[in-house]
């Protein structure tokens, strides 16, 4: 949702194979000035109109980090955001 709300143009890449699922998301938005702050549960930069639609709880990035087997985020002011997450497929 952050790409839609803040990111401007963006791109998603998905790799699915029997052992893993890898999702990369990149945008050319304003970037994240403080990644550590953005990873804190409850922190959000959502605008009031986004909150009215139920977004902006500040749990997106923290939940991805908690549940992904690999979580990499790169960003800076004016640099957009590049997020890579990998989920290992466990035999069941």
PDB file of N, CA and C in Angstrom:
ATOM      1  N   UNK A   1       0.822  -1.197   0.000  1.00  0.00           N
ATOM      2  CA  UNK A   1       0.000   0.000   0.000  1.00  0.00           C
ATOM      3  C   UNK A   1       0.864   1.258   0.000  1.00  0.00           C
ATOM      4  N   UNK A   2       2.045   1.189   0.599  1.00  0.00           N
ATOM      5  CA  UNK A   2       2.898   2.376   0.613  1.00  0.00           C
ATOM      6  C   UNK A   2       3.275   2.815  -0.790  1.00  0.00           C
ATOM      7  N   UNK A   3       3.494   1.866  -1.687  1.00  0.00           N
ATOM      8  CA  UNK A   3       3.823   2.223  -3.068  1.00  0.00           C
ATOM      9  C   UNK A   3       2.655   2.989  -3.684  1.00  0.00           C
ATOM     10  N   UNK A   4       1.446   2.522  -3.451  1.00  0.00           N
ATOM     11  CA  UNK A   4       0.270   3.179  -4.008  1.00  0.00           C
ATOM     12  C   UNK A   4       0.080   4.561  -3.391  1.00  0.00           C
ATOM     13  N   UNK A   5       0.263   4.679  -2.078  1.00  0.00           N
ATOM     14  CA  UNK A   5       0.001   5.945  -1.389  1.00  0.00           C
ATOM     15  C   UNK A   5       1.115   6.968  -1.569  1.00  0.00           C
ATOM     16  N   UNK A   6       2.368   6.508  -1.612  1.00  0.00           N
ATOM     17  CA  UNK A   6       3.495   7.447  -1.599  1.00  0.00           C
ATOM     18  C   UNK A   6       4.455   7.295  -2.764  1.00  0.00           C
ATOM     19  N   UNK A   7       4.457   6.154  -3.426  1.00  0.00           N
ATOM     20  CA  UNK A   7       5.568   5.775  -4.279  1.00  0.00           C
ATOM     21  C   UNK A   7       5.643   6.324  -5.672  1.00  0.00           C
ATOM     22  N   UNK A   8       4.592   6.916  -6.174  1.00  0.00           N
ATOM     23  CA  UNK A   8       4.662   7.322  -7.576  1.00  0.00           C
ATOM     24  C   UNK A   8       4.676   6.089  -8.452  1.00  0.00           C
ATOM     25  N   UNK A   9       5.575   6.045  -9.421  1.00  0.00           N
ATOM     26  CA  UNK A   9       5.713   4.855 -10.259  1.00  0.00           C
ATOM     27  C   UNK A   9       6.432   3.767  -9.475  1.00  0.00           C
ATOM     28  N   UNK A  10       6.084   2.534  -9.772  1.00  0.00           N
ATOM     29  CA  UNK A  10       6.728   1.436  -9.069  1.00  0.00           C
ATOM     30  C   UNK A  10       6.762   0.189  -9.919  1.00  0.00           C
ATOM     31  N   UNK A  11       7.461  -0.789  -9.417  1.00  0.00           N
ATOM     32  CA  UNK A  11       7.605  -2.052 -10.112  1.00  0.00           C
ATOM     33  C   UNK A  11       7.644  -3.170  -9.080  1.00  0.00           C
ATOM     34  N   UNK A  12       6.977  -4.281  -9.411  1.00  0.00           N
ATOM     35  CA  UNK A  12       7.011  -5.460  -8.553  1.00  0.00           C
ATOM     36  C   UNK A  12       7.521  -6.635  -9.376  1.00  0.00           C
ATOM     37  N   UNK A  13       8.334  -7.446  -8.739  1.00  0.00           N
ATOM     38  CA  UNK A  13       8.827  -8.673  -9.364  1.00  0.00           C
ATOM     39  C   UNK A  13       8.542  -9.819  -8.404  1.00  0.00           C
ATOM     40  N   UNK A  14       8.049 -10.900  -8.948  1.00  0.00           N
ATOM     41  CA  UNK A  14       7.696 -12.061  -8.146  1.00  0.00           C
ATOM     42  C   UNK A  14       8.377 -13.295  -8.717  1.00  0.00           C
ATOM     43  N   UNK A  15       9.053 -14.035  -7.855  1.00  0.00           N
ATOM     44  CA  UNK A  15       9.659 -15.307  -8.219  1.00  0.00           C
ATOM     45  C   UNK A  15       9.040 -16.372  -7.325  1.00  0.00           C
ATOM     46  N   UNK A  16       8.488 -17.378  -7.946  1.00  0.00           N
ATOM     47  CA  UNK A  16       7.914 -18.493  -7.199  1.00  0.00           C
ATOM     48  C   UNK A  16       8.566 -19.767  -7.695  1.00  0.00           C
ATOM     49  N   UNK A  17       9.157 -20.518  -6.798  1.00  0.00           N
ATOM     50  CA  UNK A  17       9.667 -21.835  -7.152  1.00  0.00           C
ATOM     51  C   UNK A  17       9.360 -22.784  -5.995  1.00  0.00           C
ATOM     52  N   UNK A  18       9.663 -24.056  -6.128  1.00  0.00           N
ATOM     53  CA  UNK A  18       9.275 -25.003  -5.086  1.00  0.00           C
ATOM     54  C   UNK A  18       9.893 -24.739  -3.709  1.00  0.00           C
ATOM     55  N   UNK A  19      10.982 -23.981  -3.643  1.00  0.00           N
ATOM     56  CA  UNK A  19      11.667 -23.760  -2.368  1.00  0.00           C
ATOM     57  C   UNK A  19      11.445 -22.388  -1.762  1.00  0.00           C
ATOM     58  N   UNK A  20      11.040 -21.417  -2.571  1.00  0.00           N
ATOM     59  CA  UNK A  20      10.929 -20.059  -2.042  1.00  0.00           C
ATOM     60  C   UNK A  20      10.014 -19.187  -2.892  1.00  0.00           C
ATOM     61  N   UNK A  21       9.563 -18.125  -2.263  1.00  0.00           N
ATOM     62  CA  UNK A  21       8.826 -17.067  -2.943  1.00  0.00           C
ATOM     63  C   UNK A  21       9.596 -15.780  -2.645  1.00  0.00           C
ATOM     64  N   UNK A  22       9.970 -15.068  -3.695  1.00  0.00           N
ATOM     65  CA  UNK A  22      10.707 -13.814  -3.537  1.00  0.00           C
ATOM     66  C   UNK A  22       9.886 -12.705  -4.181  1.00  0.00           C
ATOM     67  N   UNK A  23       9.671 -11.645  -3.437  1.00  0.00           N
ATOM     68  CA  UNK A  23       8.955 -10.486  -3.945  1.00  0.00           C
ATOM     69  C   UNK A  23       9.850  -9.263  -3.783  1.00  0.00           C
ATOM     70  N   UNK A  24      10.042  -8.555  -4.891  1.00  0.00           N
ATOM     71  CA  UNK A  24      10.776  -7.291  -4.870  1.00  0.00           C
ATOM     72  C   UNK A  24       9.811  -6.186  -5.264  1.00  0.00           C
ATOM     73  N   UNK A  25       9.848  -5.104  -4.508  1.00  0.00           N
ATOM     74  CA  UNK A  25       9.009  -3.950  -4.783  1.00  0.00           C
ATOM     75  C   UNK A  25       9.912  -2.723  -4.789  1.00  0.00           C
ATOM     76  N   UNK A  26       9.824  -1.936  -5.851  1.00  0.00           N
ATOM     77  CA  UNK A  26      10.627  -0.718  -5.950  1.00  0.00           C
ATOM     78  C   UNK A  26       9.734   0.410  -6.431  1.00  0.00           C
ATOM     79  N   UNK A  27       9.990   1.602  -5.926  1.00  0.00           N
ATOM     80  CA  UNK A  27       9.243   2.767  -6.393  1.00  0.00           C
ATOM     81  C   UNK A  27      10.182   3.954  -6.517  1.00  0.00           C
ATOM     82  N   UNK A  28       9.686   5.018  -7.115  1.00  0.00           N
ATOM     83  CA  UNK A  28      10.500   6.226  -7.267  1.00  0.00           C
ATOM     84  C   UNK A  28       9.895   7.380  -6.477  1.00  0.00           C
ATOM     85  N   UNK A  29       9.298   7.053  -5.352  1.00  0.00           N
ATOM     86  CA  UNK A  29       8.685   8.056  -4.484  1.00  0.00           C
ATOM     87  C   UNK A  29       9.709   8.854  -3.696  1.00  0.00           C
ATOM     88  N   UNK A  30       9.247   9.550  -2.662  1.00  0.00           N
ATOM     89  CA  UNK A  30      10.116  10.437  -1.900  1.00  0.00           C
ATOM     90  C   UNK A  30      11.131   9.719  -1.016  1.00  0.00           C
ATOM     91  N   UNK A  31      10.980   8.409  -0.842  1.00  0.00           N
ATOM     92  CA  UNK A  31      11.910   7.660  -0.011  1.00  0.00           C
ATOM     93  C   UNK A  31      11.545   7.720   1.462  1.00  0.00           C
ATOM     94  N   UNK A  32      12.252   6.928   2.243  1.00  0.00           N
ATOM     95  CA  UNK A  32      12.035   6.851   3.683  1.00  0.00           C
ATOM     96  C   UNK A  32      13.229   7.503   4.360  1.00  0.00           C
ATOM     97  N   UNK A  33      13.035   8.629   5.049  1.00  0.00           N
ATOM     98  CA  UNK A  33      14.171   9.310   5.670  1.00  0.00           C
ATOM     99  C   UNK A  33      14.766   8.552   6.856  1.00  0.00           C
ATOM    100  N   UNK A  34      13.958   7.779   7.585  1.00  0.00           N
ATOM    101  CA  UNK A  34      14.433   7.071   8.775  1.00  0.00           C
ATOM    102  C   UNK A  34      13.843   5.661   8.757  1.00  0.00           C
ATOM    103  N   UNK A  35      14.586   4.718   8.231  1.00  0.00           N
ATOM    104  CA  UNK A  35      14.087   3.351   8.089  1.00  0.00           C
ATOM    105  C   UNK A  35      13.814   2.724   9.445  1.00  0.00           C
ATOM    106  N   UNK A  36      14.685   2.934  10.417  1.00  0.00           N
ATOM    107  CA  UNK A  36      14.457   2.351  11.746  1.00  0.00           C
ATOM    108  C   UNK A  36      13.138   2.829  12.344  1.00  0.00           C
ATOM    109  N   UNK A  37      12.822   4.096  12.172  1.00  0.00           N
ATOM    110  CA  UNK A  37      11.544   4.625  12.644  1.00  0.00           C
ATOM    111  C   UNK A  37      10.388   3.991  11.887  1.00  0.00           C
ATOM    112  N   UNK A  38      10.532   3.852  10.572  1.00  0.00           N
ATOM    113  CA  UNK A  38       9.474   3.268   9.746  1.00  0.00           C
ATOM    114  C   UNK A  38       9.214   1.808  10.099  1.00  0.00           C
ATOM    115  N   UNK A  39      10.190   1.129  10.707  1.00  0.00           N
ATOM    116  CA  UNK A  39      10.034  -0.271  11.094  1.00  0.00           C
ATOM    117  C   UNK A  39       9.418  -0.444  12.478  1.00  0.00           C
ATOM    118  N   UNK A  40       9.151   0.646  13.170  1.00  0.00           N
ATOM    119  CA  UNK A  40       8.521   0.554  14.490  1.00  0.00           C
ATOM    120  C   UNK A  40       7.022   0.339  14.340  1.00  0.00           C
ATOM    121  N   UNK A  41       6.503  -0.627  15.085  1.00  0.00           N
ATOM    122  CA  UNK A  41       5.066  -0.896  15.053  1.00  0.00           C
ATOM    123  C   UNK A  41       4.297   0.360  15.441  1.00  0.00           C
ATOM    124  N   UNK A  42       3.295   0.691  14.650  1.00  0.00           N
ATOM    125  CA  UNK A  42       2.446   1.840  14.928  1.00  0.00           C
ATOM    126  C   UNK A  42       2.867   3.123  14.244  1.00  0.00           C
ATOM    127  N   UNK A  43       4.105   3.180  13.737  1.00  0.00           N
ATOM    128  CA  UNK A  43       4.539   4.388  13.040  1.00  0.00           C
ATOM    129  C   UNK A  43       3.934   4.412  11.641  1.00  0.00           C
ATOM    130  N   UNK A  44       3.374   5.543  11.248  1.00  0.00           N
ATOM    131  CA  UNK A  44       2.744   5.655   9.943  1.00  0.00           C
ATOM    132  C   UNK A  44       2.838   7.080   9.427  1.00  0.00           C
ATOM    133  N   UNK A  45       2.975   7.194   8.123  1.00  0.00           N
ATOM    134  CA  UNK A  45       2.923   8.501   7.469  1.00  0.00           C
ATOM    135  C   UNK A  45       1.661   8.616   6.612  1.00  0.00           C
ATOM    136  N   UNK A  46       0.714   7.709   6.843  1.00  0.00           N
ATOM    137  CA  UNK A  46      -0.526   7.712   6.056  1.00  0.00           C
ATOM    138  C   UNK A  46      -1.286   9.016   6.260  1.00  0.00           C
ATOM    139  N   UNK A  47      -1.836   9.510   5.176  1.00  0.00           N
ATOM    140  CA  UNK A  47      -2.654  10.719   5.223  1.00  0.00           C
ATOM    141  C   UNK A  47      -4.035  10.392   5.773  1.00  0.00           C
ATOM    142  N   UNK A  48      -4.754  11.396   6.278  1.00  0.00           N
ATOM    143  CA  UNK A  48      -6.089  11.137   6.837  1.00  0.00           C
ATOM    144  C   UNK A  48      -7.014  10.380   5.894  1.00  0.00           C
ATOM    145  N   UNK A  49      -6.968  10.675   4.590  1.00  0.00           N
ATOM    146  CA  UNK A  49      -7.850   9.968   3.664  1.00  0.00           C
ATOM    147  C   UNK A  49      -7.491   8.489   3.538  1.00  0.00           C
ATOM    148  N   UNK A  50      -6.223   8.145   3.727  1.00  0.00           N
ATOM    149  CA  UNK A  50      -5.824   6.736   3.710  1.00  0.00           C
ATOM    150  C   UNK A  50      -6.291   6.045   4.979  1.00  0.00           C
ATOM    151  N   UNK A  51      -6.191   6.747   6.098  1.00  0.00           N
ATOM    152  CA  UNK A  51      -6.638   6.184   7.380  1.00  0.00           C
ATOM    153  C   UNK A  51      -8.143   5.934   7.369  1.00  0.00           C
ATOM    154  N   UNK A  52      -8.881   6.821   6.721  1.00  0.00           N
ATOM    155  CA  UNK A  52     -10.333   6.646   6.629  1.00  0.00           C
ATOM    156  C   UNK A  52     -10.697   5.378   5.864  1.00  0.00           C
ATOM    157  N   UNK A  53      -9.798   4.914   4.989  1.00  0.00           N
ATOM    158  CA  UNK A  53     -10.033   3.681   4.237  1.00  0.00           C
ATOM    159  C   UNK A  53      -9.499   2.452   4.975  1.00  0.00           C
ATOM    160  N   UNK A  54      -8.975   2.649   6.183  1.00  0.00           N
ATOM    161  CA  UNK A  54      -8.498   1.526   6.984  1.00  0.00           C
ATOM    162  C   UNK A  54      -7.010   1.257   6.899  1.00  0.00           C
ATOM    163  N   UNK A  55      -6.264   2.106   6.202  1.00  0.00           N
ATOM    164  CA  UNK A  55      -4.823   1.923   6.086  1.00  0.00           C
ATOM    165  C   UNK A  55      -4.112   2.826   7.087  1.00  0.00           C
ATOM    166  N   UNK A  56      -2.820   2.608   7.246  1.00  0.00           N
ATOM    167  CA  UNK A  56      -2.038   3.495   8.092  1.00  0.00           C
ATOM    168  C   UNK A  56      -1.924   3.058   9.534  1.00  0.00           C
ATOM    169  N   UNK A  57      -2.057   1.758   9.796  1.00  0.00           N
ATOM    170  CA  UNK A  57      -1.922   1.268  11.169  1.00  0.00           C
ATOM    171  C   UNK A  57      -0.459   1.140  11.585  1.00  0.00           C
ATOM    172  N   UNK A  58       0.455   1.285  10.630  1.00  0.00           N
ATOM    173  CA  UNK A  58       1.871   1.187  10.959  1.00  0.00           C
ATOM    174  C   UNK A  58       2.326  -0.237  11.230  1.00  0.00           C
ATOM    175  N   UNK A  59       1.693  -1.204  10.582  1.00  0.00           N
ATOM    176  CA  UNK A  59       2.064  -2.602  10.804  1.00  0.00           C
ATOM    177  C   UNK A  59       2.598  -3.284   9.548  1.00  0.00           C
ATOM    178  N   UNK A  60       2.560  -2.609   8.407  1.00  0.00           N
ATOM    179  CA  UNK A  60       2.981  -3.234   7.151  1.00  0.00           C
ATOM    180  C   UNK A  60       4.425  -3.692   7.165  1.00  0.00           C
ATOM    181  N   UNK A  61       5.356  -2.763   7.257  1.00  0.00           N
ATOM    182  CA  UNK A  61       6.774  -3.129   7.246  1.00  0.00           C
ATOM    183  C   UNK A  61       7.159  -3.991   8.447  1.00  0.00           C
ATOM    184  N   UNK A  62       6.707  -3.659   9.676  1.00  0.00           N
ATOM    185  CA  UNK A  62       7.058  -4.537  10.800  1.00  0.00           C
ATOM    186  C   UNK A  62       6.561  -5.974  10.622  1.00  0.00           C
ATOM    187  N   UNK A  63       5.358  -6.156  10.076  1.00  0.00           N
ATOM    188  CA  UNK A  63       4.846  -7.510   9.869  1.00  0.00           C
ATOM    189  C   UNK A  63       5.604  -8.243   8.781  1.00  0.00           C
ATOM    190  N   UNK A  64       5.971  -7.542   7.725  1.00  0.00           N
ATOM    191  CA  UNK A  64       6.765  -8.184   6.675  1.00  0.00           C
ATOM    192  C   UNK A  64       8.097  -8.643   7.260  1.00  0.00           C
ATOM    193  N   UNK A  65       8.760  -7.757   8.000  1.00  0.00           N
ATOM    194  CA  UNK A  65      10.062  -8.100   8.589  1.00  0.00           C
ATOM    195  C   UNK A  65       9.945  -9.299   9.523  1.00  0.00           C
ATOM    196  N   UNK A  66       8.881  -9.330  10.313  1.00  0.00           N
ATOM    197  CA  UNK A  66       8.683 -10.409  11.284  1.00  0.00           C
ATOM    198  C   UNK A  66       8.434 -11.752  10.593  1.00  0.00           C
ATOM    199  N   UNK A  67       7.749 -11.755   9.457  1.00  0.00           N
ATOM    200  CA  UNK A  67       7.323 -12.999   8.833  1.00  0.00           C
ATOM    201  C   UNK A  67       8.186 -13.473   7.667  1.00  0.00           C
ATOM    202  N   UNK A  68       9.019 -12.608   7.132  1.00  0.00           N
ATOM    203  CA  UNK A  68       9.862 -12.977   5.994  1.00  0.00           C
ATOM    204  C   UNK A  68      11.122 -13.686   6.473  1.00  0.00           C
ATOM    205  N   UNK A  69      11.607 -14.602   5.663  1.00  0.00           N
ATOM    206  CA  UNK A  69      12.881 -15.256   5.957  1.00  0.00           C
ATOM    207  C   UNK A  69      14.049 -14.350   5.576  1.00  0.00           C
ATOM    208  N   UNK A  70      13.807 -13.457   4.632  1.00  0.00           N
ATOM    209  CA  UNK A  70      14.783 -12.432   4.262  1.00  0.00           C
ATOM    210  C   UNK A  70      14.022 -11.129   4.088  1.00  0.00           C
ATOM    211  N   UNK A  71      14.546 -10.066   4.662  1.00  0.00           N
ATOM    212  CA  UNK A  71      13.929  -8.742   4.555  1.00  0.00           C
ATOM    213  C   UNK A  71      15.048  -7.739   4.337  1.00  0.00           C
ATOM    214  N   UNK A  72      15.039  -7.099   3.188  1.00  0.00           N
ATOM    215  CA  UNK A  72      16.029  -6.063   2.885  1.00  0.00           C
ATOM    216  C   UNK A  72      15.289  -4.833   2.391  1.00  0.00           C
ATOM    217  N   UNK A  73      15.630  -3.693   2.962  1.00  0.00           N
ATOM    218  CA  UNK A  73      15.016  -2.445   2.524  1.00  0.00           C
ATOM    219  C   UNK A  73      16.113  -1.412   2.341  1.00  0.00           C
ATOM    220  N   UNK A  74      16.035  -0.724   1.206  1.00  0.00           N
ATOM    221  CA  UNK A  74      16.994   0.328   0.894  1.00  0.00           C
ATOM    222  C   UNK A  74      16.201   1.558   0.501  1.00  0.00           C
ATOM    223  N   UNK A  75      16.566   2.678   1.099  1.00  0.00           N
ATOM    224  CA  UNK A  75      15.874   3.917   0.789  1.00  0.00           C
ATOM    225  C   UNK A  75      16.658   5.088   1.345  1.00  0.00           C
ATOM    226  N   UNK A  76      16.289   6.237   0.900  1.00  0.00           N
ATOM    227  CA  UNK A  76      16.820   7.493   1.393  1.00  0.00           C
ATOM    228  C   UNK A  76      15.974   8.607   0.822  1.00  0.00           C
ATOM    229  N   UNK A  77      16.103   9.772   1.371  1.00  0.00           N
ATOM    230  CA  UNK A  77      15.300  10.903   0.909  1.00  0.00           C
ATOM    231  C   UNK A  77      15.548  11.139  -0.570  1.00  0.00           C
ATOM    232  N   UNK A  78      14.478  11.165  -1.340  1.00  0.00           N
ATOM    233  CA  UNK A  78      14.567  11.393  -2.776  1.00  0.00           C
ATOM    234  C   UNK A  78      15.029  10.201  -3.588  1.00  0.00           C
ATOM    235  N   UNK A  79      15.205   9.042  -2.947  1.00  0.00           N
ATOM    236  CA  UNK A  79      15.747   7.863  -3.627  1.00  0.00           C
ATOM    237  C   UNK A  79      14.721   6.777  -3.875  1.00  0.00           C
ATOM    238  N   UNK A  80      13.487   6.959  -3.474  1.00  0.00           N
ATOM    239  CA  UNK A  80      12.510   5.886  -3.589  1.00  0.00           C
ATOM    240  C   UNK A  80      12.808   4.793  -2.583  1.00  0.00           C
ATOM    241  N   UNK A  81      12.143   3.666  -2.755  1.00  0.00           N
ATOM    242  CA  UNK A  81      12.298   2.533  -1.844  1.00  0.00           C
ATOM    243  C   UNK A  81      12.474   1.272  -2.674  1.00  0.00           C
ATOM    244  N   UNK A  82      13.378   0.403  -2.216  1.00  0.00           N
ATOM    245  CA  UNK A  82      13.539  -0.926  -2.815  1.00  0.00           C
ATOM    246  C   UNK A  82      13.453  -1.932  -1.680  1.00  0.00           C
ATOM    247  N   UNK A  83      12.443  -2.791  -1.755  1.00  0.00           N
ATOM    248  CA  UNK A  83      12.182  -3.784  -0.711  1.00  0.00           C
ATOM    249  C   UNK A  83      12.260  -5.184  -1.326  1.00  0.00           C
ATOM    250  N   UNK A  84      13.049  -6.038  -0.698  1.00  0.00           N
ATOM    251  CA  UNK A  84      13.128  -7.445  -1.101  1.00  0.00           C
ATOM    252  C   UNK A  84      12.728  -8.302   0.083  1.00  0.00           C
ATOM    253  N   UNK A  85      11.810  -9.231  -0.171  1.00  0.00           N
ATOM    254  CA  UNK A  85      11.404 -10.162   0.871  1.00  0.00           C
ATOM    255  C   UNK A  85      11.389 -11.567   0.289  1.00  0.00           C
ATOM    256  N   UNK A  86      11.854 -12.519   1.090  1.00  0.00           N
ATOM    257  CA  UNK A  86      11.870 -13.908   0.657  1.00  0.00           C
ATOM    258  C   UNK A  86      11.190 -14.754   1.716  1.00  0.00           C
ATOM    259  N   UNK A  87      10.379 -15.669   1.257  1.00  0.00           N
ATOM    260  CA  UNK A  87       9.667 -16.583   2.131  1.00  0.00           C
ATOM    261  C   UNK A  87      10.033 -18.003   1.708  1.00  0.00           C
ATOM    262  N   UNK A  88      10.610 -18.768   2.609  1.00  0.00           N
ATOM    263  CA  UNK A  88      10.971 -20.140   2.308  1.00  0.00           C
ATOM    264  C   UNK A  88       9.705 -20.987   2.325  1.00  0.00           C
ATOM    265  N   UNK A  89       9.605 -21.886   1.349  1.00  0.00           N
ATOM    266  CA  UNK A  89       8.481 -22.816   1.287  1.00  0.00           C
ATOM    267  C   UNK A  89       8.894 -24.058   2.069  1.00  0.00           C
ATOM    268  N   UNK A  90       8.138 -24.333   3.103  1.00  0.00           N
ATOM    269  CA  UNK A  90       8.470 -25.467   3.955  1.00  0.00           C
ATOM    270  C   UNK A  90       7.626 -26.665   3.563  1.00  0.00           C
ATOM    271  N   UNK A  91       8.287 -27.809   3.412  1.00  0.00           N
ATOM    272  CA  UNK A  91       7.543 -29.018   3.043  1.00  0.00           C
ATOM    273  C   UNK A  91       6.561 -29.365   4.144  1.00  0.00           C
ATOM    274  N   UNK A  92       5.361 -29.717   3.741  1.00  0.00           N
ATOM    275  CA  UNK A  92       4.330 -29.905   4.739  1.00  0.00           C
ATOM    276  C   UNK A  92       3.847 -31.262   4.868  1.00  0.00           C
TER     277      UNK A  92
END
